Protein backbone atom coordinates (compact mmCIF):
# COMPACT_ATOMS: atom_id res chain seq x y z
CA MET A 1 17.25 20.14 -22.89
CA ARG A 2 17.74 16.89 -20.97
CA PRO A 3 15.58 14.37 -22.86
CA GLN A 4 16.52 11.54 -20.51
CA VAL A 5 14.88 13.41 -17.59
CA VAL A 6 11.57 13.70 -19.44
CA ILE A 7 11.73 10.07 -20.62
CA VAL A 8 12.58 8.57 -17.21
CA ALA A 9 9.92 10.64 -15.44
CA THR A 10 7.30 9.48 -17.96
CA LEU A 11 8.39 5.85 -17.62
CA LEU A 12 8.05 5.86 -13.83
CA LEU A 13 4.67 7.63 -13.94
CA ASN A 14 3.27 5.14 -16.40
CA VAL A 15 4.42 2.10 -14.41
CA VAL A 16 2.35 3.38 -11.48
CA LEU A 17 -0.59 4.27 -13.72
CA PHE A 18 -0.64 0.84 -15.34
CA ALA A 19 -0.83 -0.90 -11.98
CA ILE A 20 -3.64 1.36 -10.75
CA ASN A 21 -5.65 1.18 -13.98
CA LEU A 22 -5.38 -2.60 -14.24
CA LEU A 23 -6.40 -3.14 -10.60
CA VAL A 24 -9.56 -1.09 -11.22
CA ALA A 25 -10.31 -2.18 -14.81
CA ILE A 26 -10.59 -5.91 -14.03
CA PRO A 27 -13.22 -5.79 -11.25
CA SER A 28 -15.13 -2.82 -12.71
CA GLY A 29 -15.37 -4.23 -16.22
CA SER A 30 -14.95 -0.74 -17.69
CA ARG A 31 -13.42 -0.67 -21.13
CA ALA A 32 -12.66 3.04 -20.67
CA VAL A 33 -10.45 2.25 -17.67
CA LEU A 34 -8.97 -0.76 -19.46
CA SER A 35 -8.05 1.51 -22.36
CA GLN A 36 -6.08 3.65 -19.90
CA ALA A 37 -4.25 0.54 -18.66
CA ILE A 38 -3.35 -0.54 -22.21
CA TYR A 39 -2.17 2.95 -23.02
CA SER A 40 -0.08 3.13 -19.83
CA ILE A 41 1.78 -0.14 -20.46
CA ALA A 42 2.37 0.89 -24.06
CA ASP A 43 3.82 4.17 -22.76
CA VAL A 44 6.16 2.20 -20.48
CA VAL A 45 7.44 0.18 -23.45
CA ALA A 46 7.75 3.32 -25.58
CA SER A 47 9.66 5.21 -22.88
CA GLY A 48 12.04 2.26 -22.57
CA LEU A 49 12.64 2.30 -26.32
CA LEU A 50 13.28 6.06 -26.30
CA LEU A 51 15.69 5.73 -23.39
CA TRP A 52 17.56 2.96 -25.19
CA GLY A 53 17.74 5.10 -28.32
CA PHE A 54 19.16 8.02 -26.34
CA TYR A 55 22.03 5.98 -24.90
CA ALA A 56 22.61 3.97 -28.09
CA SER A 57 23.05 7.21 -30.04
CA ARG A 58 25.97 8.24 -27.81
CA ARG A 59 28.21 5.36 -28.87
CA THR A 60 31.60 6.22 -30.32
CA PRO A 61 31.74 6.26 -34.15
CA THR A 62 33.16 3.12 -35.73
CA HIS A 63 34.64 2.21 -39.10
CA GLU A 64 31.23 0.94 -40.23
CA HIS A 65 29.47 4.03 -38.83
CA PRO A 66 31.94 6.91 -39.28
CA PHE A 67 29.30 9.59 -38.63
CA GLY A 68 28.21 8.04 -35.35
CA PHE A 69 24.89 6.61 -34.21
CA GLY A 70 22.76 9.75 -33.89
CA LYS A 71 19.99 8.30 -36.06
CA GLU A 72 19.38 5.65 -33.40
CA ARG A 73 17.20 8.26 -31.71
CA PHE A 74 15.12 8.73 -34.85
CA PHE A 75 14.68 4.98 -35.32
CA TRP A 76 13.67 4.26 -31.72
CA ALA A 77 11.38 7.29 -31.72
CA PHE A 78 9.66 5.75 -34.74
CA MET A 79 9.35 2.42 -32.92
CA ALA A 80 8.04 4.15 -29.80
CA SER A 81 5.35 6.02 -31.71
CA PHE A 82 4.40 2.81 -33.53
CA VAL A 83 4.10 0.82 -30.29
CA THR A 84 2.45 3.50 -28.19
CA PHE A 85 0.02 4.95 -30.67
CA THR A 86 -0.58 2.48 -33.49
CA VAL A 87 -0.45 -0.89 -31.70
CA ALA A 88 -1.97 0.36 -28.44
CA GLY A 89 -4.53 2.40 -30.36
CA LEU A 90 -5.71 -0.61 -32.33
CA ALA A 91 -5.88 -2.73 -29.16
CA VAL A 92 -7.99 -0.08 -27.42
CA LEU A 93 -10.16 0.34 -30.52
CA PHE A 94 -10.95 -3.38 -30.76
CA THR A 95 -11.59 -3.54 -27.02
CA GLY A 96 -14.06 -0.70 -27.35
CA LEU A 97 -15.78 -2.26 -30.36
CA GLU A 98 -16.28 -5.49 -28.41
CA ARG A 99 -18.05 -3.57 -25.65
CA VAL A 100 -20.12 -1.57 -28.16
CA LEU A 101 -21.43 -4.84 -29.60
CA GLN A 102 -22.06 -6.28 -26.11
CA PRO A 103 -22.79 -3.38 -23.70
CA GLN A 104 -22.58 -4.13 -19.98
CA PRO A 105 -23.00 -2.13 -16.77
CA ILE A 106 -19.93 -0.87 -14.90
CA ASN A 107 -19.08 -1.79 -11.30
CA PHE A 108 -17.08 0.38 -8.88
CA VAL A 109 -17.89 3.60 -10.71
CA LEU A 110 -16.25 5.77 -8.05
CA ALA A 111 -13.00 3.80 -8.23
CA GLY A 112 -13.02 4.02 -12.03
CA THR A 113 -13.60 7.77 -11.94
CA ALA A 114 -10.81 8.21 -9.39
CA THR A 115 -8.45 6.18 -11.53
CA ILE A 116 -9.13 8.34 -14.56
CA GLY A 117 -8.56 11.43 -12.40
CA ILE A 118 -5.18 10.08 -11.32
CA ALA A 119 -4.26 9.39 -14.97
CA LEU A 120 -5.29 12.93 -15.88
CA ALA A 121 -3.18 14.42 -13.05
CA ALA A 122 -0.18 12.29 -14.02
CA SER A 123 -0.45 13.36 -17.68
CA ILE A 124 -0.62 17.02 -16.68
CA GLY A 125 2.42 16.42 -14.47
CA GLY A 126 4.28 14.91 -17.43
CA ILE A 127 3.46 17.96 -19.55
CA ALA A 128 4.66 20.22 -16.73
CA ILE A 129 8.00 18.37 -16.55
CA ALA A 130 8.48 18.74 -20.30
CA VAL A 131 7.63 22.46 -20.17
CA LEU A 132 10.06 23.01 -17.27
CA GLU A 133 12.85 21.30 -19.23
CA LEU A 134 12.04 23.46 -22.25
CA ARG A 135 12.21 26.65 -20.17
CA ARG A 136 15.45 25.46 -18.59
CA SER A 137 17.03 25.26 -22.04
CA GLY A 138 15.42 28.50 -23.28
CA GLU A 139 13.01 26.78 -25.65
CA SER A 140 9.24 26.84 -26.13
CA ILE A 141 6.53 24.33 -27.01
CA ARG A 142 6.49 25.71 -30.56
CA SER A 143 10.24 25.16 -30.92
CA LEU A 144 9.83 21.61 -29.57
CA LEU A 145 7.14 20.80 -32.14
CA ASP A 146 9.40 22.16 -34.90
CA SER A 147 12.55 20.47 -33.59
CA PRO A 148 14.11 17.09 -34.46
CA HIS A 149 13.84 15.94 -30.81
CA LEU A 150 11.38 13.22 -31.73
CA GLY A 151 11.75 11.37 -28.42
CA VAL A 152 10.69 14.32 -26.27
CA LYS A 153 8.05 15.23 -28.87
CA THR A 154 6.64 11.69 -28.64
CA ILE A 155 6.49 11.88 -24.84
CA PHE A 156 4.85 15.30 -24.97
CA LEU A 157 2.23 14.15 -27.47
CA GLN A 158 1.61 11.03 -25.37
CA ASP A 159 0.72 13.21 -22.42
CA VAL A 160 -1.46 15.54 -24.49
CA VAL A 161 -3.38 12.60 -25.96
CA SER A 162 -3.63 11.07 -22.48
CA VAL A 163 -5.29 14.24 -21.18
CA ALA A 164 -7.83 14.09 -24.02
CA ALA A 165 -8.31 10.34 -23.52
CA SER A 166 -8.93 10.80 -19.78
CA GLY A 167 -11.63 13.34 -20.56
CA VAL A 168 -13.29 10.99 -23.04
CA ALA A 169 -13.10 8.05 -20.61
CA PHE A 170 -14.62 10.15 -17.81
CA VAL A 171 -17.55 11.12 -20.05
CA GLY A 172 -18.06 7.46 -21.01
CA ILE A 173 -18.17 6.26 -17.40
CA ALA A 174 -20.45 9.14 -16.39
CA LEU A 175 -22.96 8.33 -19.15
CA VAL A 176 -23.07 4.68 -18.10
CA ALA A 177 -23.31 5.38 -14.37
CA PHE A 178 -25.79 8.24 -14.32
CA ASP A 179 -27.77 7.91 -17.57
CA GLY A 180 -27.63 4.14 -18.04
CA ILE A 181 -26.16 4.43 -21.57
CA GLU A 182 -24.06 1.27 -21.36
CA VAL A 183 -22.76 1.55 -24.91
CA ALA A 184 -21.00 4.80 -23.98
CA ASP A 185 -18.23 2.86 -22.21
CA GLY A 186 -17.28 1.06 -25.41
CA LEU A 187 -17.70 4.18 -27.54
CA SER A 188 -15.33 6.16 -25.31
CA ALA A 189 -12.70 3.42 -25.70
CA CYS A 190 -13.17 3.57 -29.49
CA VAL A 191 -12.62 7.34 -29.47
CA VAL A 192 -9.46 6.92 -27.38
CA GLY A 193 -8.21 4.26 -29.80
CA GLY A 194 -8.87 6.54 -32.75
CA LEU A 195 -6.93 9.36 -31.09
CA LEU A 196 -3.96 7.07 -30.50
CA VAL A 197 -3.88 5.74 -34.06
CA ALA A 198 -4.09 9.28 -35.49
CA GLY A 199 -1.23 10.44 -33.23
CA GLY A 200 0.86 7.43 -34.29
CA LEU A 201 0.43 8.21 -37.96
CA VAL A 202 1.51 11.82 -37.47
CA LEU A 203 4.63 10.93 -35.45
CA SER A 204 5.59 8.04 -37.74
CA ALA A 205 5.46 10.38 -40.75
CA GLN A 206 7.77 12.85 -38.98
CA SER A 207 10.19 10.07 -38.00
CA ARG A 208 10.31 8.85 -41.60
CA GLU A 209 11.51 12.26 -42.80
CA PHE A 210 14.54 12.14 -40.51
CA LEU A 211 15.30 8.47 -41.13
CA ILE A 212 15.57 8.95 -44.89
CA GLY A 213 17.81 12.02 -44.52
CA LYS A 214 16.13 15.35 -43.79
CA SER A 215 18.11 18.58 -44.20
CA ILE A 216 18.41 21.33 -41.61
CA PRO A 217 15.59 23.89 -41.34
CA PRO A 218 15.68 26.74 -43.93
CA ALA A 219 16.18 29.35 -41.20
CA MET A 220 19.34 27.63 -39.96
CA ALA A 221 20.57 27.20 -43.54
CA ARG A 222 20.19 30.95 -44.16
CA GLN A 223 22.10 31.73 -40.96
CA ILE A 224 24.96 29.46 -42.03
CA LEU A 225 25.12 31.03 -45.50
CA THR A 226 25.18 34.53 -43.99
CA PHE A 227 27.97 33.50 -41.61
CA VAL A 228 30.10 31.95 -44.35
CA GLU A 229 29.64 34.74 -46.90
CA ARG A 230 30.72 37.37 -44.35
CA ASP A 231 34.25 35.99 -44.72
CA PRO A 232 36.17 38.49 -46.94
CA ARG A 233 38.13 35.68 -48.60
CA ILE A 234 35.00 33.91 -49.82
CA ARG A 235 33.40 35.12 -53.03
CA ALA A 236 30.32 32.88 -52.92
CA VAL A 237 28.93 29.60 -51.66
CA ARG A 238 28.11 27.54 -54.74
CA THR A 239 26.33 24.62 -53.07
CA MET A 240 25.29 23.71 -49.55
CA GLN A 241 23.93 20.32 -48.51
CA SER A 242 23.03 19.06 -45.05
CA MET A 243 21.58 16.09 -43.25
CA MET A 244 20.27 15.61 -39.71
CA LEU A 245 22.26 12.70 -38.24
CA GLY A 246 20.59 13.17 -34.87
CA PRO A 247 18.66 15.83 -32.94
CA ASP A 248 21.96 17.59 -32.12
CA ASP A 249 24.17 16.22 -34.88
CA VAL A 250 24.33 17.75 -38.38
CA LEU A 251 26.40 16.87 -41.43
CA LEU A 252 27.17 19.94 -43.57
CA THR A 253 28.92 20.07 -46.95
CA LEU A 254 29.87 23.32 -48.71
CA LYS A 255 31.35 24.05 -52.10
CA VAL A 256 32.99 27.45 -51.81
CA ASN A 257 34.41 29.87 -54.36
CA PHE A 258 37.39 31.67 -52.80
CA ILE A 259 38.79 34.96 -54.04
CA ASP A 260 41.57 34.84 -56.62
CA GLY A 261 45.20 34.88 -55.62
CA LEU A 262 45.07 32.50 -52.64
CA THR A 263 47.66 29.76 -52.51
CA THR A 264 46.83 26.17 -51.58
CA ASP A 265 48.21 26.73 -48.08
CA HIS A 266 46.04 29.84 -47.65
CA ILE A 267 42.93 27.95 -48.76
CA GLU A 268 43.68 25.08 -46.37
CA ARG A 269 44.09 27.49 -43.45
CA GLU A 270 40.90 29.32 -44.45
CA ILE A 271 38.95 26.05 -44.52
CA ASP A 272 40.26 25.14 -41.05
CA MET A 273 39.32 28.56 -39.62
CA LEU A 274 35.91 28.51 -41.30
CA SER A 275 35.19 25.02 -39.94
CA ALA A 276 36.18 26.08 -36.42
CA GLY A 277 34.07 29.23 -36.66
CA LEU A 278 31.02 27.30 -37.87
CA ARG A 279 31.31 24.77 -35.03
CA ALA A 280 31.59 27.57 -32.49
CA GLU A 281 28.61 29.46 -33.91
CA PHE A 282 26.45 26.39 -34.60
CA PRO A 283 27.27 23.62 -32.07
CA ARG A 284 24.98 21.15 -33.83
CA LEU A 285 27.39 21.07 -36.81
CA ARG A 286 29.41 18.01 -35.84
CA HIS A 287 30.62 17.06 -39.34
CA ILE A 288 31.72 19.78 -41.78
CA ILE A 289 33.13 19.18 -45.26
CA ILE A 290 34.27 22.26 -47.22
CA GLU A 291 35.37 21.86 -50.82
CA PRO A 292 36.97 24.76 -52.72
CA GLU A 293 35.56 25.32 -56.19
CA SER A 294 38.15 24.43 -58.80
């Protein structure tokens, strides 16, 4: 998968959406359209943070950071979800509450409806780009949701929430324009704000797991154990520990019980061959430490 393609495409789409939404929200007075503008600019900021995290994570390891900077992507994904969902969600929520307390009619209903339609089309386009990138790399939406690619997952969830938010905003404008229920405009903004805050909490919780040191998935751990224990010179794997240092960067430590009769040179060669085999079979294993059981 090329996460930078998904992130850049989302960033450019949201710059255009922000300009369109703001131009319509100010003269129309619609809080539903204004919520779309707030969400769009928050998406721009979030996409910029994710893009920065992607390139920051590719820096060469240093003495202070011997395992590299892979967790930069987890940190900036956390910041992106906080900005996009939590901060923007609260802003939209308070904007909606203000209009609920002081309902007003909406001007330029047709322009507001068209703007929401454009936002909906752009969000669907963003989802399509993400799906195409997943298919290109032989993955599925389910594998994305289960993966440590928090940046792409954040972008994908942004677009999904945007589709739902566009539907809610459309209903709010329609109720004001055709049924005269002026409070519906503010209520729709409140619903959108609630959706954003809920999405932010979910993504922030996932980011926290990786920031504090999450291990590899159980399925991958079982595959690694099976691979190692197939070696005829290995009697058993006593302990296995792992940590996700980035979406494609794993630290693995093994304590291995070798068969009797091997010299120190034989064990050293076996460790080198086992490490090379593991890296070839599991490319995400960037750092491998194998300790023979004494």
